[in-house]
PDB file of N, CA and C in Angstrom:
ATOM      1  N   MET A   1       5.806 -24.419  20.153  1.00  0.00           N
ATOM      2  CA  MET A   1       4.430 -23.845  19.774  1.00  0.00           C
ATOM      3  C   MET A   1       3.296 -24.759  21.215  1.00  0.00           C
ATOM      4  N   THR A   2       1.955 -23.843  21.423  1.00  0.00           N
ATOM      5  CA  THR A   2       0.968 -23.836  22.114  1.00  0.00           C
ATOM      6  C   THR A   2      -0.006 -25.196  21.472  1.00  0.00           C
ATOM      7  N   GLY A   3      -0.834 -26.022  23.111  1.00  0.00           N
ATOM      8  CA  GLY A   3      -1.905 -26.780  21.782  1.00  0.00           C
ATOM      9  C   GLY A   3      -2.962 -26.209  20.372  1.00  0.00           C
ATOM     10  N   LEU A   4      -2.630 -24.719  21.218  1.00  0.00           N
ATOM     11  CA  LEU A   4      -3.960 -24.387  20.677  1.00  0.00           C
ATOM     12  C   LEU A   4      -3.547 -24.205  18.654  1.00  0.00           C
ATOM     13  N   ASN A   5      -2.153 -23.457  18.790  1.00  0.00           N
ATOM     14  CA  ASN A   5      -1.516 -23.357  17.667  1.00  0.00           C
ATOM     15  C   ASN A   5      -1.328 -24.445  16.939  1.00  0.00           C
ATOM     16  N   LYS A   6      -0.857 -26.055  17.668  1.00  0.00           N
ATOM     17  CA  LYS A   6      -1.106 -26.975  16.893  1.00  0.00           C
ATOM     18  C   LYS A   6      -2.337 -27.647  16.482  1.00  0.00           C
ATOM     19  N   ALA A   7      -3.601 -27.411  17.185  1.00  0.00           N
ATOM     20  CA  ALA A   7      -4.853 -26.609  16.806  1.00  0.00           C
ATOM     21  C   ALA A   7      -5.125 -26.885  15.799  1.00  0.00           C
ATOM     22  N   ILE A   8      -5.039 -24.918  15.667  1.00  0.00           N
ATOM     23  CA  ILE A   8      -5.104 -24.453  14.288  1.00  0.00           C
ATOM     24  C   ILE A   8      -4.295 -25.200  13.457  1.00  0.00           C
ATOM     25  N   LYS A   9      -3.066 -25.033  13.522  1.00  0.00           N
ATOM     26  CA  LYS A   9      -2.506 -25.930  12.552  1.00  0.00           C
ATOM     27  C   LYS A   9      -2.806 -26.846  11.945  1.00  0.00           C
ATOM     28  N   ILE A  10      -3.525 -28.231  12.241  1.00  0.00           N
ATOM     29  CA  ILE A  10      -3.651 -29.600  11.649  1.00  0.00           C
ATOM     30  C   ILE A  10      -4.841 -28.824  11.251  1.00  0.00           C
ATOM     31  N   ALA A  11      -6.129 -28.010  11.425  1.00  0.00           N
ATOM     32  CA  ALA A  11      -7.364 -27.515  11.313  1.00  0.00           C
ATOM     33  C   ALA A  11      -6.880 -26.729   9.481  1.00  0.00           C
ATOM     34  N   GLY A  12      -5.836 -25.989   9.648  1.00  0.00           N
ATOM     35  CA  GLY A  12      -6.039 -24.926   8.299  1.00  0.00           C
ATOM     36  C   GLY A  12      -5.775 -23.847   9.305  1.00  0.00           C
ATOM     37  N   ASN A  13      -5.916 -23.206   9.580  1.00  0.00           N
ATOM     38  CA  ASN A  13      -6.020 -21.909  10.347  1.00  0.00           C
ATOM     39  C   ASN A  13      -7.431 -21.428  11.423  1.00  0.00           C
ATOM     40  N   GLN A  14      -7.248 -20.392  11.613  1.00  0.00           N
ATOM     41  CA  GLN A  14      -8.097 -20.414  12.811  1.00  0.00           C
ATOM     42  C   GLN A  14      -9.395 -20.139  12.155  1.00  0.00           C
ATOM     43  N   SER A  15     -10.106 -19.699  10.854  1.00  0.00           N
ATOM     44  CA  SER A  15     -11.299 -19.936  10.373  1.00  0.00           C
ATOM     45  C   SER A  15     -11.265 -21.355   9.814  1.00  0.00           C
ATOM     46  N   LYS A  16     -10.847 -22.407   9.614  1.00  0.00           N
ATOM     47  CA  LYS A  16     -10.961 -23.352   9.633  1.00  0.00           C
ATOM     48  C   LYS A  16     -10.948 -24.475  11.045  1.00  0.00           C
ATOM     49  N   LEU A  17     -10.907 -24.152  11.813  1.00  0.00           N
ATOM     50  CA  LEU A  17     -10.682 -24.920  13.272  1.00  0.00           C
ATOM     51  C   LEU A  17     -12.407 -24.193  13.656  1.00  0.00           C
ATOM     52  N   ALA A  18     -12.252 -23.142  13.638  1.00  0.00           N
ATOM     53  CA  ALA A  18     -13.417 -22.351  14.394  1.00  0.00           C
ATOM     54  C   ALA A  18     -15.126 -23.081  14.049  1.00  0.00           C
ATOM     55  N   SER A  19     -14.609 -23.055  12.224  1.00  0.00           N
ATOM     56  CA  SER A  19     -15.834 -23.535  11.520  1.00  0.00           C
ATOM     57  C   SER A  19     -16.142 -24.904  11.550  1.00  0.00           C
ATOM     58  N   LEU A  20     -15.598 -26.155  12.329  1.00  0.00           N
ATOM     59  CA  LEU A  20     -15.180 -27.650  12.249  1.00  0.00           C
ATOM     60  C   LEU A  20     -15.952 -27.655  14.234  1.00  0.00           C
ATOM     61  N   LEU A  21     -15.289 -26.375  15.593  1.00  0.00           N
ATOM     62  CA  LEU A  21     -15.882 -26.447  16.007  1.00  0.00           C
ATOM     63  C   LEU A  21     -17.541 -25.479  15.996  1.00  0.00           C
ATOM     64  N   GLY A  22     -18.068 -25.407  15.014  1.00  0.00           N
ATOM     65  CA  GLY A  22     -19.330 -24.247  15.296  1.00  0.00           C
ATOM     66  C   GLY A  22     -19.209 -23.548  15.739  1.00  0.00           C
ATOM     67  N   ILE A  23     -18.085 -22.543  15.682  1.00  0.00           N
ATOM     68  CA  ILE A  23     -18.084 -20.904  17.066  1.00  0.00           C
ATOM     69  C   ILE A  23     -17.108 -20.376  15.678  1.00  0.00           C
ATOM     70  N   SER A  24     -17.400 -19.064  16.261  1.00  0.00           N
ATOM     71  CA  SER A  24     -17.034 -17.938  15.072  1.00  0.00           C
ATOM     72  C   SER A  24     -15.934 -17.977  15.246  1.00  0.00           C
ATOM     73  N   ARG A  25     -15.135 -17.331  14.188  1.00  0.00           N
ATOM     74  CA  ARG A  25     -13.068 -17.144  14.033  1.00  0.00           C
ATOM     75  C   ARG A  25     -13.030 -16.425  15.485  1.00  0.00           C
ATOM     76  N   SER A  26     -12.814 -15.204  15.874  1.00  0.00           N
ATOM     77  CA  SER A  26     -13.088 -14.511  17.057  1.00  0.00           C
ATOM     78  C   SER A  26     -13.453 -15.403  18.371  1.00  0.00           C
ATOM     79  N   SER A  27     -13.756 -15.508  18.085  1.00  0.00           N
ATOM     80  CA  SER A  27     -13.856 -16.901  19.623  1.00  0.00           C
ATOM     81  C   SER A  27     -12.155 -17.378  19.652  1.00  0.00           C
ATOM     82  N   VAL A  28     -12.156 -17.833  18.982  1.00  0.00           N
ATOM     83  CA  VAL A  28     -10.829 -19.332  17.922  1.00  0.00           C
ATOM     84  C   VAL A  28      -8.882 -18.104  18.086  1.00  0.00           C
ATOM     85  N   SER A  29      -9.322 -16.579  17.781  1.00  0.00           N
ATOM     86  CA  SER A  29      -8.764 -15.548  18.029  1.00  0.00           C
ATOM     87  C   SER A  29      -9.253 -14.852  19.497  1.00  0.00           C
ATOM     88  N   ARG A  30      -9.373 -15.035  20.105  1.00  0.00           N
ATOM     89  CA  ARG A  30      -9.530 -14.133  21.777  1.00  0.00           C
ATOM     90  C   ARG A  30      -8.873 -15.344  22.051  1.00  0.00           C
ATOM     91  N   TRP A  31      -8.973 -16.515  22.178  1.00  0.00           N
ATOM     92  CA  TRP A  31      -8.644 -17.690  22.522  1.00  0.00           C
ATOM     93  C   TRP A  31      -6.667 -17.580  22.609  1.00  0.00           C
ATOM     94  N   VAL A  32      -6.586 -17.166  21.220  1.00  0.00           N
ATOM     95  CA  VAL A  32      -4.930 -16.347  21.266  1.00  0.00           C
ATOM     96  C   VAL A  32      -4.279 -15.755  21.564  1.00  0.00           C
ATOM     97  N   HIS A  33      -4.773 -14.173  21.347  1.00  0.00           N
ATOM     98  CA  HIS A  33      -4.729 -13.563  22.259  1.00  0.00           C
ATOM     99  C   HIS A  33      -5.312 -13.134  23.495  1.00  0.00           C
ATOM    100  N   LYS A  34      -5.996 -12.909  23.815  1.00  0.00           N
ATOM    101  CA  LYS A  34      -6.658 -13.059  24.546  1.00  0.00           C
ATOM    102  C   LYS A  34      -6.320 -13.747  26.255  1.00  0.00           C
ATOM    103  N   PHE A  35      -6.953 -14.878  25.912  1.00  0.00           N
ATOM    104  CA  PHE A  35      -6.426 -16.256  26.703  1.00  0.00           C
ATOM    105  C   PHE A  35      -5.108 -16.831  27.292  1.00  0.00           C
ATOM    106  N   GLY A  36      -3.975 -16.119  25.908  1.00  0.00           N
ATOM    107  CA  GLY A  36      -3.021 -16.814  25.724  1.00  0.00           C
ATOM    108  C   GLY A  36      -3.251 -18.520  25.774  1.00  0.00           C
ATOM    109  N   GLY A  37      -3.497 -18.455  24.441  1.00  0.00           N
ATOM    110  CA  GLY A  37      -3.453 -19.797  24.164  1.00  0.00           C
ATOM    111  C   GLY A  37      -3.862 -20.941  24.756  1.00  0.00           C
ATOM    112  N   LYS A  38      -4.881 -20.098  25.784  1.00  0.00           N
ATOM    113  CA  LYS A  38      -6.261 -21.585  25.968  1.00  0.00           C
ATOM    114  C   LYS A  38      -7.809 -21.304  25.902  1.00  0.00           C
ATOM    115  N   ALA A  39      -7.575 -22.425  25.157  1.00  0.00           N
ATOM    116  CA  ALA A  39      -8.552 -22.913  24.808  1.00  0.00           C
ATOM    117  C   ALA A  39     -10.302 -23.444  26.245  1.00  0.00           C
ATOM    118  N   PRO A  40     -11.107 -22.619  26.117  1.00  0.00           N
ATOM    119  CA  PRO A  40     -12.183 -22.727  27.148  1.00  0.00           C
ATOM    120  C   PRO A  40     -12.381 -25.000  27.856  1.00  0.00           C
ATOM    121  N   GLN A  41     -12.113 -25.112  28.777  1.00  0.00           N
ATOM    122  CA  GLN A  41     -12.374 -26.711  29.316  1.00  0.00           C
ATOM    123  C   GLN A  41     -13.091 -27.072  28.562  1.00  0.00           C
ATOM    124  N   ALA A  42     -14.702 -27.027  28.480  1.00  0.00           N
ATOM    125  CA  ALA A  42     -15.035 -27.350  27.416  1.00  0.00           C
ATOM    126  C   ALA A  42     -15.367 -27.786  26.009  1.00  0.00           C
ATOM    127  N   GLN A  43     -14.044 -27.201  25.814  1.00  0.00           N
ATOM    128  CA  GLN A  43     -13.582 -26.973  23.863  1.00  0.00           C
ATOM    129  C   GLN A  43     -12.747 -28.353  24.086  1.00  0.00           C
ATOM    130  N   LEU A  44     -12.039 -28.662  24.671  1.00  0.00           N
ATOM    131  CA  LEU A  44     -11.276 -29.465  24.692  1.00  0.00           C
ATOM    132  C   LEU A  44     -11.589 -30.747  23.792  1.00  0.00           C
ATOM    133  N   PRO A  45     -12.199 -31.832  24.339  1.00  0.00           N
ATOM    134  CA  PRO A  45     -12.320 -32.564  23.512  1.00  0.00           C
ATOM    135  C   PRO A  45     -13.127 -32.981  22.312  1.00  0.00           C
ATOM    136  N   GLU A  46     -14.017 -31.843  22.182  1.00  0.00           N
ATOM    137  CA  GLU A  46     -13.633 -32.081  20.760  1.00  0.00           C
ATOM    138  C   GLU A  46     -12.893 -31.513  19.803  1.00  0.00           C
ATOM    139  N   ILE A  47     -11.517 -30.593  20.343  1.00  0.00           N
ATOM    140  CA  ILE A  47     -10.845 -30.107  19.166  1.00  0.00           C
ATOM    141  C   ILE A  47      -9.813 -31.876  19.478  1.00  0.00           C
ATOM    142  N   TYR A  48      -9.529 -32.362  20.399  1.00  0.00           N
ATOM    143  CA  TYR A  48      -9.011 -33.232  20.283  1.00  0.00           C
ATOM    144  C   TYR A  48      -9.594 -34.481  19.439  1.00  0.00           C
ATOM    145  N   ARG A  49     -10.945 -34.066  19.137  1.00  0.00           N
ATOM    146  CA  ARG A  49     -11.418 -35.538  18.944  1.00  0.00           C
ATOM    147  C   ARG A  49     -11.195 -35.112  16.914  1.00  0.00           C
ATOM    148  N   LEU A  50     -11.299 -33.939  16.926  1.00  0.00           N
ATOM    149  CA  LEU A  50     -11.032 -33.468  15.229  1.00  0.00           C
ATOM    150  C   LEU A  50      -9.557 -32.872  14.879  1.00  0.00           C
ATOM    151  N   THR A  51      -8.708 -32.761  15.898  1.00  0.00           N
ATOM    152  CA  THR A  51      -7.179 -32.428  15.393  1.00  0.00           C
ATOM    153  C   THR A  51      -6.707 -33.486  16.079  1.00  0.00           C
ATOM    154  N   GLY A  52      -6.968 -34.516  17.090  1.00  0.00           N
ATOM    155  CA  GLY A  52      -5.563 -35.519  18.058  1.00  0.00           C
ATOM    156  C   GLY A  52      -4.720 -34.306  18.846  1.00  0.00           C
ATOM    157  N   VAL A  53      -5.156 -33.255  18.854  1.00  0.00           N
ATOM    158  CA  VAL A  53      -4.300 -32.710  20.238  1.00  0.00           C
ATOM    159  C   VAL A  53      -4.818 -32.494  21.736  1.00  0.00           C
ATOM    160  N   THR A  54      -4.459 -33.695  21.967  1.00  0.00           N
ATOM    161  CA  THR A  54      -4.459 -33.627  23.586  1.00  0.00           C
ATOM    162  C   THR A  54      -5.104 -33.050  24.779  1.00  0.00           C
ATOM    163  N   PRO A  55      -6.223 -33.221  25.779  1.00  0.00           N
ATOM    164  CA  PRO A  55      -6.494 -31.857  26.622  1.00  0.00           C
ATOM    165  C   PRO A  55      -5.428 -31.757  27.661  1.00  0.00           C
ATOM    166  N   HIS A  56      -3.724 -32.636  27.685  1.00  0.00           N
ATOM    167  CA  HIS A  56      -3.246 -32.451  28.197  1.00  0.00           C
ATOM    168  C   HIS A  56      -2.317 -31.316  27.479  1.00  0.00           C
ATOM    169  N   GLU A  57      -1.800 -30.978  26.231  1.00  0.00           N
ATOM    170  CA  GLU A  57      -1.455 -30.840  25.563  1.00  0.00           C
ATOM    171  C   GLU A  57      -1.941 -29.123  25.013  1.00  0.00           C
ATOM    172  N   MET A  58      -2.958 -28.952  25.258  1.00  0.00           N
ATOM    173  CA  MET A  58      -3.905 -27.971  24.882  1.00  0.00           C
ATOM    174  C   MET A  58      -3.893 -27.029  26.366  1.00  0.00           C
ATOM    175  N   ARG A  59      -4.567 -27.718  27.492  1.00  0.00           N
ATOM    176  CA  ARG A  59      -4.559 -27.262  28.727  1.00  0.00           C
ATOM    177  C   ARG A  59      -3.715 -27.792  30.069  1.00  0.00           C
ATOM    178  N   PRO A  60      -1.994 -28.269  29.882  1.00  0.00           N
ATOM    179  CA  PRO A  60      -1.414 -28.232  30.511  1.00  0.00           C
ATOM    180  C   PRO A  60      -1.208 -28.412  32.404  1.00  0.00           C
ATOM    181  N   ASP A  61      -2.664 -27.184  32.536  1.00  0.00           N
ATOM    182  CA  ASP A  61      -2.704 -26.406  34.001  1.00  0.00           C
ATOM    183  C   ASP A  61      -4.358 -27.323  34.281  1.00  0.00           C
ATOM    184  N   LEU A  62      -4.920 -27.510  33.489  1.00  0.00           N
ATOM    185  CA  LEU A  62      -6.001 -28.693  34.127  1.00  0.00           C
ATOM    186  C   LEU A  62      -5.939 -29.654  33.485  1.00  0.00           C
ATOM    187  N   HIS A  63      -4.893 -29.875  33.157  1.00  0.00           N
ATOM    188  CA  HIS A  63      -4.959 -31.647  32.786  1.00  0.00           C
ATOM    189  C   HIS A  63      -3.670 -31.961  32.565  1.00  0.00           C
ATOM    190  N   PRO A  64      -3.208 -32.171  34.015  1.00  0.00           N
ATOM    191  CA  PRO A  64      -1.459 -32.231  33.766  1.00  0.00           C
ATOM    192  C   PRO A  64      -1.139 -33.461  33.544  1.00  0.00           C
ATOM    193  N   ASN A  65      -1.912 -34.383  33.438  1.00  0.00           N
ATOM    194  CA  ASN A  65      -1.687 -36.323  33.326  1.00  0.00           C
ATOM    195  C   ASN A  65      -1.407 -36.138  31.777  1.00  0.00           C
ATOM    196  N   PRO A  66      -0.574 -36.447  31.031  1.00  0.00           N
ATOM    197  CA  PRO A  66      -1.247 -36.626  29.844  1.00  0.00           C
ATOM    198  C   PRO A  66      -2.487 -37.584  29.235  1.00  0.00           C
ATOM    199  N   THR A  67      -3.178 -38.487  29.793  1.00  0.00           N
ATOM    200  CA  THR A  67      -3.822 -38.879  29.465  1.00  0.00           C
ATOM    201  C   THR A  67      -5.558 -38.459  30.288  1.00  0.00           C
ATOM    202  N   SER A  68      -5.293 -37.485  30.806  1.00  0.00           N
ATOM    203  CA  SER A  68      -6.314 -37.034  31.930  1.00  0.00           C
ATOM    204  C   SER A  68      -6.700 -35.821  31.204  1.00  0.00           C
ATOM    205  N   GLY A  69      -8.112 -36.657  30.698  1.00  0.00           N
ATOM    206  CA  GLY A  69      -9.571 -35.812  30.047  1.00  0.00           C
ATOM    207  C   GLY A  69      -9.483 -36.386  28.942  1.00  0.00           C
ATOM    208  N   LEU A  70      -8.733 -37.509  28.387  1.00  0.00           N
ATOM    209  CA  LEU A  70      -9.528 -38.111  27.313  1.00  0.00           C
ATOM    210  C   LEU A  70     -10.275 -39.359  27.378  1.00  0.00           C
ATOM    211  N   PRO A  71     -11.047 -39.781  26.300  1.00  0.00           N
ATOM    212  CA  PRO A  71     -11.601 -40.958  26.374  1.00  0.00           C
ATOM    213  C   PRO A  71     -11.262 -41.584  27.039  1.00  0.00           C
ATOM    214  N   GLU A  72     -11.496 -43.587  27.867  1.00  0.00           N
ATOM    215  CA  GLU A  72     -10.586 -44.703  28.250  1.00  0.00           C
ATOM    216  C   GLU A  72     -10.302 -45.755  27.013  1.00  0.00           C
ATOM    217  N   ASN A  73     -10.829 -45.559  26.120  1.00  0.00           N
ATOM    218  CA  ASN A  73     -10.056 -46.266  25.105  1.00  0.00           C
ATOM    219  C   ASN A  73      -9.057 -45.706  24.373  1.00  0.00           C
ATOM    220  N   ASP A  74      -9.110 -43.498  24.125  1.00  0.00           N
ATOM    221  CA  ASP A  74      -7.998 -43.341  24.209  1.00  0.00           C
ATOM    222  C   ASP A  74      -6.553 -43.546  25.538  1.00  0.00           C
ATOM    223  N   THR A  75      -6.634 -44.104  26.478  1.00  0.00           N
ATOM    224  CA  THR A  75      -5.514 -43.059  26.882  1.00  0.00           C
ATOM    225  C   THR A  75      -3.954 -44.895  27.370  1.00  0.00           C
ATOM    226  N   ALA A  76      -5.071 -45.648  26.712  1.00  0.00           N
ATOM    227  CA  ALA A  76      -3.308 -46.611  26.629  1.00  0.00           C
ATOM    228  C   ALA A  76      -2.391 -46.283  25.562  1.00  0.00           C
ATOM    229  N   ALA A  77      -3.042 -46.036  24.244  1.00  0.00           N
ATOM    230  CA  ALA A  77      -1.984 -45.112  23.658  1.00  0.00           C
ATOM    231  C   ALA A  77      -1.053 -43.580  23.594  1.00  0.00           C
ATOM    232  N   VAL A  78      -1.802 -43.166  23.906  1.00  0.00           N
ATOM    233  CA  VAL A  78      -1.469 -42.382  25.174  1.00  0.00           C
ATOM    234  C   VAL A  78       0.124 -42.306  26.077  1.00  0.00           C
ATOM    235  N   GLN A  79      -0.782 -43.472  26.484  1.00  0.00           N
ATOM    236  CA  GLN A  79       0.167 -44.106  27.634  1.00  0.00           C
ATOM    237  C   GLN A  79       1.510 -44.570  26.974  1.00  0.00           C
ATOM    238  N   LYS A  80       1.391 -45.397  25.996  1.00  0.00           N
ATOM    239  CA  LYS A  80       2.273 -46.621  24.659  1.00  0.00           C
ATOM    240  C   LYS A  80       3.089 -45.196  23.624  1.00  0.00           C
ATOM    241  N   GLU A  81       2.360 -44.562  23.614  1.00  0.00           N
ATOM    242  CA  GLU A  81       3.357 -43.163  23.041  1.00  0.00           C
ATOM    243  C   GLU A  81       4.354 -42.159  23.532  1.00  0.00           C
ATOM    244  N   SER A  82       3.983 -42.162  25.355  1.00  0.00           N
ATOM    245  CA  SER A  82       4.819 -41.626  25.863  1.00  0.00           C
ATOM    246  C   SER A  82       5.848 -42.594  26.824  1.00  0.00           C
ATOM    247  N   ASP A  83       5.776 -43.901  26.717  1.00  0.00           N
ATOM    248  CA  ASP A  83       7.133 -45.202  27.069  1.00  0.00           C
ATOM    249  C   ASP A  83       8.270 -44.678  25.972  1.00  0.00           C
TER     250      ASP A  83
END
């Protein structure tokens, strides 16, 4: 399961994730079908805030480290989970 699919599942469906993000459902659908499950970098912090799916899970190509892209106060928690 891709990070985007995980975020969609947590939100409920593509429409609900789109609504939470304040974007159209077709935008989320494009991420899934046209961009291979890759959400834009600019959306990753909000997706994390809303669903808990980390930037690393969403885009390991941009965030190879599990704590990359996280707010500073959240990096310690993720490091403990991965230990």
